[in-house]
Amino acid sequence: MKILIDTQCWLWMNASPERFRAPSLALIEREETEILLSAASAWEIAVKQSLKKIGLPMSPSDYVESRLRQTRSTPLPITHAHALWAGELPPRHRDPFDRLLVAQSQLERVPILTADRSFQLYDVDVIEA
């Protein structure tokens, strides 16, 4: 099974996995689960680090690269189709990072693992973290 993980949940995987509900933690720990991390999440991590909204033990590029390997996460690039689709979504949510994740979830036909209820405003399959 493939899942798209939102930024906050991916950070939880690395720093505080106890924040997940038991079924969600079991899902991400299964070897057959492919965890997709969007390039939008890498961008969001870099932006939040530069704004001092999060603290990482190393540079965002080193952190993301090392944790991709550690968590067995697969990078999901942003395509023009993803970007254009995100721009055409109804204005139910203003966060550009989340809108891009919604677009990727819809176009790639994968559920999103998230603790953010705003994803439920869109036509996506949500797995509650």
N, C-alpha and C. Protein backbone atom coordinates (compact mmCIF):
# COMPACT_ATOMS: atom_id res chain seq x y z
N MET A 1 0.85 -1.18 0.00
CA MET A 1 0.00 0.00 0.00
C MET A 1 0.89 1.24 0.00
N LYS A 2 0.52 2.22 -0.82
CA LYS A 2 1.21 3.50 -0.85
C LYS A 2 0.40 4.52 -0.05
N ILE A 3 1.11 5.35 0.72
CA ILE A 3 0.45 6.46 1.42
C ILE A 3 1.32 7.70 1.25
N LEU A 4 0.65 8.82 1.15
CA LEU A 4 1.32 10.12 1.14
C LEU A 4 1.26 10.65 2.56
N ILE A 5 2.39 10.96 3.14
CA ILE A 5 2.42 11.41 4.52
C ILE A 5 2.57 12.93 4.54
N ASP A 6 1.79 13.59 5.39
CA ASP A 6 1.93 15.04 5.43
C ASP A 6 3.18 15.40 6.24
N THR A 7 3.60 16.63 6.13
CA THR A 7 4.86 17.09 6.70
C THR A 7 4.92 16.86 8.21
N GLN A 8 3.88 17.28 8.90
CA GLN A 8 3.86 17.15 10.36
C GLN A 8 4.02 15.68 10.78
N CYS A 9 3.31 14.80 10.12
CA CYS A 9 3.39 13.38 10.48
C CYS A 9 4.75 12.79 10.15
N TRP A 10 5.36 13.24 9.06
CA TRP A 10 6.70 12.75 8.74
C TRP A 10 7.70 13.20 9.80
N LEU A 11 7.54 14.42 10.27
CA LEU A 11 8.41 14.90 11.35
C LEU A 11 8.17 14.10 12.62
N TRP A 12 6.91 13.75 12.90
CA TRP A 12 6.60 12.90 14.06
C TRP A 12 7.30 11.55 13.94
N MET A 13 7.28 10.97 12.74
CA MET A 13 7.93 9.67 12.53
C MET A 13 9.38 9.71 13.00
N ASN A 14 10.02 10.84 12.79
CA ASN A 14 11.43 10.99 13.10
C ASN A 14 11.71 11.41 14.53
N ALA A 15 10.79 12.13 15.15
CA ALA A 15 11.08 12.70 16.46
C ALA A 15 10.19 12.19 17.59
N SER A 16 8.93 11.89 17.28
CA SER A 16 8.01 11.48 18.34
C SER A 16 6.91 10.56 17.81
N PRO A 17 7.29 9.33 17.41
CA PRO A 17 6.31 8.40 16.84
C PRO A 17 5.18 8.04 17.81
N GLU A 18 5.38 8.27 19.09
CA GLU A 18 4.33 7.98 20.07
C GLU A 18 3.10 8.87 19.88
N ARG A 19 3.20 9.91 19.09
CA ARG A 19 2.06 10.80 18.83
C ARG A 19 1.02 10.15 17.91
N PHE A 20 1.42 9.11 17.18
CA PHE A 20 0.50 8.42 16.28
C PHE A 20 -0.46 7.52 17.05
N ARG A 21 -1.66 7.39 16.51
CA ARG A 21 -2.58 6.35 17.01
C ARG A 21 -1.97 5.00 16.65
N ALA A 22 -2.29 4.00 17.43
CA ALA A 22 -1.70 2.67 17.23
C ALA A 22 -1.90 2.13 15.82
N PRO A 23 -3.11 2.22 15.23
CA PRO A 23 -3.27 1.67 13.86
C PRO A 23 -2.42 2.40 12.82
N SER A 24 -2.28 3.71 12.97
CA SER A 24 -1.47 4.48 12.02
C SER A 24 0.00 4.15 12.16
N LEU A 25 0.46 4.01 13.38
CA LEU A 25 1.86 3.65 13.61
C LEU A 25 2.15 2.25 13.03
N ALA A 26 1.22 1.33 13.24
CA ALA A 26 1.39 -0.02 12.69
C ALA A 26 1.46 0.03 11.16
N LEU A 27 0.64 0.89 10.55
CA LEU A 27 0.63 1.01 9.09
C LEU A 27 1.98 1.50 8.57
N ILE A 28 2.52 2.53 9.18
CA ILE A 28 3.78 3.07 8.67
C ILE A 28 4.97 2.17 8.99
N GLU A 29 4.82 1.30 9.98
CA GLU A 29 5.91 0.39 10.33
C GLU A 29 5.91 -0.88 9.48
N ARG A 30 4.82 -1.14 8.77
CA ARG A 30 4.76 -2.33 7.90
C ARG A 30 5.73 -2.18 6.73
N GLU A 31 6.48 -3.23 6.47
CA GLU A 31 7.44 -3.18 5.36
C GLU A 31 6.76 -2.99 4.01
N GLU A 32 5.55 -3.51 3.87
CA GLU A 32 4.87 -3.40 2.57
C GLU A 32 4.23 -2.03 2.34
N THR A 33 4.25 -1.15 3.35
CA THR A 33 3.72 0.20 3.17
C THR A 33 4.80 1.08 2.55
N GLU A 34 4.47 1.68 1.41
CA GLU A 34 5.39 2.63 0.79
C GLU A 34 4.97 4.03 1.21
N ILE A 35 5.85 4.70 1.93
CA ILE A 35 5.58 6.05 2.44
C ILE A 35 6.13 7.05 1.44
N LEU A 36 5.24 7.87 0.89
CA LEU A 36 5.65 8.89 -0.06
C LEU A 36 5.81 10.22 0.66
N LEU A 37 6.95 10.88 0.48
CA LEU A 37 7.17 12.22 1.02
C LEU A 37 7.27 13.18 -0.14
N SER A 38 6.35 14.11 -0.18
CA SER A 38 6.30 15.08 -1.26
C SER A 38 7.47 16.06 -1.18
N ALA A 39 7.92 16.50 -2.35
CA ALA A 39 8.90 17.59 -2.40
C ALA A 39 8.33 18.83 -1.73
N ALA A 40 7.00 18.96 -1.71
CA ALA A 40 6.37 20.09 -1.01
C ALA A 40 6.69 20.04 0.49
N SER A 41 6.77 18.84 1.05
CA SER A 41 7.11 18.70 2.46
C SER A 41 8.56 19.10 2.73
N ALA A 42 9.46 18.74 1.83
CA ALA A 42 10.86 19.15 1.97
C ALA A 42 10.95 20.68 1.93
N TRP A 43 10.21 21.27 1.01
CA TRP A 43 10.16 22.74 0.89
C TRP A 43 9.60 23.34 2.18
N GLU A 44 8.51 22.78 2.68
CA GLU A 44 7.89 23.29 3.90
C GLU A 44 8.85 23.19 5.09
N ILE A 45 9.57 22.08 5.19
CA ILE A 45 10.53 21.90 6.28
C ILE A 45 11.63 22.97 6.19
N ALA A 46 12.13 23.21 5.00
CA ALA A 46 13.18 24.22 4.82
C ALA A 46 12.67 25.62 5.18
N VAL A 47 11.46 25.94 4.74
CA VAL A 47 10.87 27.25 5.04
C VAL A 47 10.66 27.41 6.54
N LYS A 48 10.08 26.40 7.17
CA LYS A 48 9.81 26.49 8.61
C LYS A 48 11.10 26.56 9.43
N GLN A 49 12.14 25.88 8.99
CA GLN A 49 13.43 25.96 9.67
C GLN A 49 14.00 27.37 9.54
N SER A 50 13.92 27.96 8.36
CA SER A 50 14.47 29.29 8.16
C SER A 50 13.70 30.35 8.95
N LEU A 51 12.41 30.11 9.19
CA LEU A 51 11.58 31.02 9.98
C LEU A 51 11.65 30.72 11.47
N LYS A 52 12.45 29.70 11.81
CA LYS A 52 12.62 29.27 13.21
C LYS A 52 11.32 28.74 13.84
N LYS A 53 10.44 28.18 13.00
CA LYS A 53 9.20 27.57 13.49
C LYS A 53 9.41 26.12 13.91
N ILE A 54 10.50 25.53 13.42
CA ILE A 54 10.90 24.19 13.85
C ILE A 54 12.41 24.23 14.09
N GLY A 55 12.89 23.30 14.89
CA GLY A 55 14.32 23.19 15.13
C GLY A 55 14.79 21.80 14.71
N LEU A 56 15.72 21.76 13.82
CA LEU A 56 16.28 20.50 13.34
C LEU A 56 17.71 20.35 13.86
N PRO A 57 18.18 19.13 14.04
CA PRO A 57 19.53 18.92 14.54
C PRO A 57 20.63 19.16 13.50
N MET A 58 20.23 19.44 12.26
CA MET A 58 21.18 19.68 11.16
C MET A 58 20.46 20.50 10.09
N SER A 59 21.13 20.79 9.01
CA SER A 59 20.50 21.57 7.94
C SER A 59 19.29 20.80 7.40
N PRO A 60 18.29 21.53 6.88
CA PRO A 60 17.13 20.83 6.31
C PRO A 60 17.50 19.83 5.21
N SER A 61 18.45 20.17 4.36
CA SER A 61 18.81 19.23 3.29
C SER A 61 19.44 17.96 3.84
N ASP A 62 20.33 18.10 4.83
CA ASP A 62 20.92 16.91 5.44
C ASP A 62 19.87 16.11 6.21
N TYR A 63 18.99 16.83 6.90
CA TYR A 63 17.96 16.15 7.70
C TYR A 63 17.02 15.34 6.81
N VAL A 64 16.50 15.98 5.78
CA VAL A 64 15.54 15.29 4.91
C VAL A 64 16.21 14.10 4.23
N GLU A 65 17.40 14.28 3.69
CA GLU A 65 18.09 13.18 3.01
C GLU A 65 18.35 12.00 3.96
N SER A 66 18.84 12.28 5.15
CA SER A 66 19.14 11.18 6.07
C SER A 66 17.87 10.50 6.57
N ARG A 67 16.83 11.28 6.82
CA ARG A 67 15.59 10.70 7.34
C ARG A 67 14.78 10.00 6.27
N LEU A 68 14.95 10.38 5.01
CA LEU A 68 14.31 9.62 3.93
C LEU A 68 14.80 8.18 3.97
N ARG A 69 16.11 8.01 4.10
CA ARG A 69 16.69 6.65 4.17
C ARG A 69 16.24 5.95 5.45
N GLN A 70 16.32 6.65 6.56
CA GLN A 70 16.00 6.05 7.86
C GLN A 70 14.55 5.56 7.93
N THR A 71 13.63 6.32 7.34
CA THR A 71 12.21 5.99 7.43
C THR A 71 11.71 5.20 6.20
N ARG A 72 12.62 4.87 5.29
CA ARG A 72 12.25 4.14 4.08
C ARG A 72 11.20 4.92 3.27
N SER A 73 11.28 6.23 3.29
CA SER A 73 10.32 7.06 2.56
C SER A 73 10.79 7.26 1.12
N THR A 74 9.82 7.30 0.23
CA THR A 74 10.10 7.51 -1.19
C THR A 74 9.80 8.96 -1.54
N PRO A 75 10.76 9.67 -2.13
CA PRO A 75 10.49 11.05 -2.54
C PRO A 75 9.43 11.09 -3.65
N LEU A 76 8.51 12.03 -3.51
CA LEU A 76 7.49 12.25 -4.55
C LEU A 76 7.72 13.64 -5.13
N PRO A 77 8.22 13.70 -6.37
CA PRO A 77 8.46 15.01 -6.99
C PRO A 77 7.16 15.76 -7.24
N ILE A 78 7.30 17.05 -7.42
CA ILE A 78 6.17 17.90 -7.80
C ILE A 78 6.23 18.06 -9.32
N THR A 79 5.16 17.67 -9.99
CA THR A 79 5.09 17.84 -11.44
C THR A 79 4.28 19.09 -11.77
N HIS A 80 4.33 19.48 -13.03
CA HIS A 80 3.50 20.60 -13.46
C HIS A 80 2.02 20.27 -13.25
N ALA A 81 1.66 19.03 -13.51
CA ALA A 81 0.26 18.63 -13.32
C ALA A 81 -0.16 18.81 -11.86
N HIS A 82 0.71 18.43 -10.93
CA HIS A 82 0.40 18.60 -9.50
C HIS A 82 0.20 20.08 -9.18
N ALA A 83 1.15 20.91 -9.65
CA ALA A 83 1.09 22.34 -9.34
C ALA A 83 -0.16 23.00 -9.93
N LEU A 84 -0.46 22.65 -11.16
CA LEU A 84 -1.64 23.24 -11.80
C LEU A 84 -2.93 22.77 -11.13
N TRP A 85 -2.98 21.50 -10.76
CA TRP A 85 -4.17 20.96 -10.08
C TRP A 85 -4.37 21.65 -8.74
N ALA A 86 -3.26 21.85 -8.00
CA ALA A 86 -3.34 22.54 -6.70
C ALA A 86 -3.91 23.94 -6.86
N GLY A 87 -3.53 24.61 -7.93
CA GLY A 87 -4.04 25.96 -8.19
C GLY A 87 -5.50 26.00 -8.55
N GLU A 88 -6.04 24.89 -9.04
CA GLU A 88 -7.44 24.83 -9.43
C GLU A 88 -8.37 24.29 -8.34
N LEU A 89 -7.79 23.87 -7.22
CA LEU A 89 -8.62 23.34 -6.13
C LEU A 89 -9.53 24.44 -5.57
N PRO A 90 -10.71 24.06 -5.09
CA PRO A 90 -11.57 25.05 -4.44
C PRO A 90 -10.84 25.67 -3.23
N PRO A 91 -11.09 26.93 -2.95
CA PRO A 91 -10.36 27.63 -1.88
C PRO A 91 -10.84 27.27 -0.47
N ARG A 92 -10.80 26.00 -0.15
CA ARG A 92 -11.25 25.55 1.17
C ARG A 92 -10.14 25.62 2.20
N HIS A 93 -8.92 25.73 1.73
CA HIS A 93 -7.75 25.74 2.61
C HIS A 93 -6.70 26.64 1.96
N ARG A 94 -6.11 27.52 2.74
CA ARG A 94 -5.18 28.49 2.16
C ARG A 94 -3.73 28.05 2.18
N ASP A 95 -3.40 27.02 2.92
CA ASP A 95 -2.00 26.59 3.04
C ASP A 95 -1.53 26.00 1.72
N PRO A 96 -0.56 26.64 1.05
CA PRO A 96 -0.13 26.15 -0.27
C PRO A 96 0.54 24.77 -0.21
N PHE A 97 1.21 24.46 0.88
CA PHE A 97 1.84 23.15 1.01
C PHE A 97 0.77 22.06 1.07
N ASP A 98 -0.25 22.28 1.89
CA ASP A 98 -1.32 21.29 2.03
C ASP A 98 -2.12 21.16 0.74
N ARG A 99 -2.36 22.26 0.05
CA ARG A 99 -3.08 22.20 -1.22
C ARG A 99 -2.31 21.35 -2.23
N LEU A 100 -1.00 21.47 -2.22
CA LEU A 100 -0.20 20.66 -3.12
C LEU A 100 -0.28 19.18 -2.74
N LEU A 101 -0.30 18.89 -1.44
CA LEU A 101 -0.45 17.50 -1.01
C LEU A 101 -1.81 16.94 -1.44
N VAL A 102 -2.85 17.76 -1.34
CA VAL A 102 -4.17 17.33 -1.79
C VAL A 102 -4.13 17.00 -3.28
N ALA A 103 -3.54 17.88 -4.06
CA ALA A 103 -3.45 17.65 -5.51
C ALA A 103 -2.68 16.35 -5.80
N GLN A 104 -1.57 16.14 -5.10
CA GLN A 104 -0.80 14.92 -5.33
C GLN A 104 -1.59 13.69 -4.92
N SER A 105 -2.29 13.77 -3.80
CA SER A 105 -3.11 12.65 -3.35
C SER A 105 -4.16 12.30 -4.41
N GLN A 106 -4.81 13.32 -4.94
CA GLN A 106 -5.85 13.08 -5.94
C GLN A 106 -5.28 12.53 -7.24
N LEU A 107 -4.23 13.14 -7.75
CA LEU A 107 -3.69 12.72 -9.04
C LEU A 107 -2.95 11.38 -8.97
N GLU A 108 -2.29 11.12 -7.85
CA GLU A 108 -1.57 9.86 -7.68
C GLU A 108 -2.45 8.75 -7.13
N ARG A 109 -3.65 9.14 -6.71
CA ARG A 109 -4.64 8.19 -6.15
C ARG A 109 -4.07 7.42 -4.95
N VAL A 110 -3.57 8.21 -3.99
CA VAL A 110 -3.06 7.63 -2.74
C VAL A 110 -3.68 8.37 -1.56
N PRO A 111 -3.92 7.68 -0.46
CA PRO A 111 -4.46 8.35 0.72
C PRO A 111 -3.37 9.19 1.41
N ILE A 112 -3.83 10.16 2.20
CA ILE A 112 -2.93 11.01 2.98
C ILE A 112 -3.01 10.61 4.44
N LEU A 113 -1.85 10.40 5.06
CA LEU A 113 -1.76 10.18 6.49
C LEU A 113 -1.54 11.54 7.12
N THR A 114 -2.48 11.98 7.96
CA THR A 114 -2.41 13.33 8.52
C THR A 114 -3.16 13.43 9.84
N ALA A 115 -2.78 14.43 10.62
CA ALA A 115 -3.52 14.78 11.83
C ALA A 115 -4.32 16.06 11.60
N ASP A 116 -4.21 16.61 10.41
CA ASP A 116 -4.85 17.88 10.05
C ASP A 116 -6.23 17.62 9.45
N ARG A 117 -7.26 18.05 10.13
CA ARG A 117 -8.63 17.81 9.67
C ARG A 117 -9.00 18.60 8.41
N SER A 118 -8.22 19.59 8.06
CA SER A 118 -8.56 20.39 6.87
C SER A 118 -8.48 19.58 5.58
N PHE A 119 -7.73 18.48 5.58
CA PHE A 119 -7.67 17.64 4.38
C PHE A 119 -9.03 17.01 4.09
N GLN A 120 -9.85 16.87 5.10
CA GLN A 120 -11.17 16.27 4.91
C GLN A 120 -12.12 17.20 4.16
N LEU A 121 -11.71 18.45 3.94
CA LEU A 121 -12.52 19.38 3.16
C LEU A 121 -12.45 19.08 1.66
N TYR A 122 -11.54 18.20 1.30
CA TYR A 122 -11.34 17.84 -0.11
C TYR A 122 -11.68 16.38 -0.36
N ASP A 123 -11.80 16.04 -1.60
CA ASP A 123 -12.10 14.68 -2.00
C ASP A 123 -10.82 13.85 -2.04
N VAL A 124 -10.35 13.48 -0.83
CA VAL A 124 -9.17 12.63 -0.70
C VAL A 124 -9.45 11.61 0.39
N ASP A 125 -8.77 10.47 0.28
CA ASP A 125 -8.86 9.47 1.34
C ASP A 125 -7.87 9.88 2.43
N VAL A 126 -8.39 10.05 3.64
CA VAL A 126 -7.57 10.47 4.77
C VAL A 126 -7.39 9.32 5.75
N ILE A 127 -6.17 9.09 6.15
CA ILE A 127 -5.86 8.16 7.23
C ILE A 127 -5.49 9.03 8.42
N GLU A 128 -6.29 8.94 9.48
CA GLU A 128 -6.04 9.78 10.65
C GLU A 128 -4.83 9.29 11.40
N ALA A 129 -3.93 10.24 11.66
CA ALA A 129 -2.70 9.91 12.36
C ALA A 129 -2.99 9.65 13.82
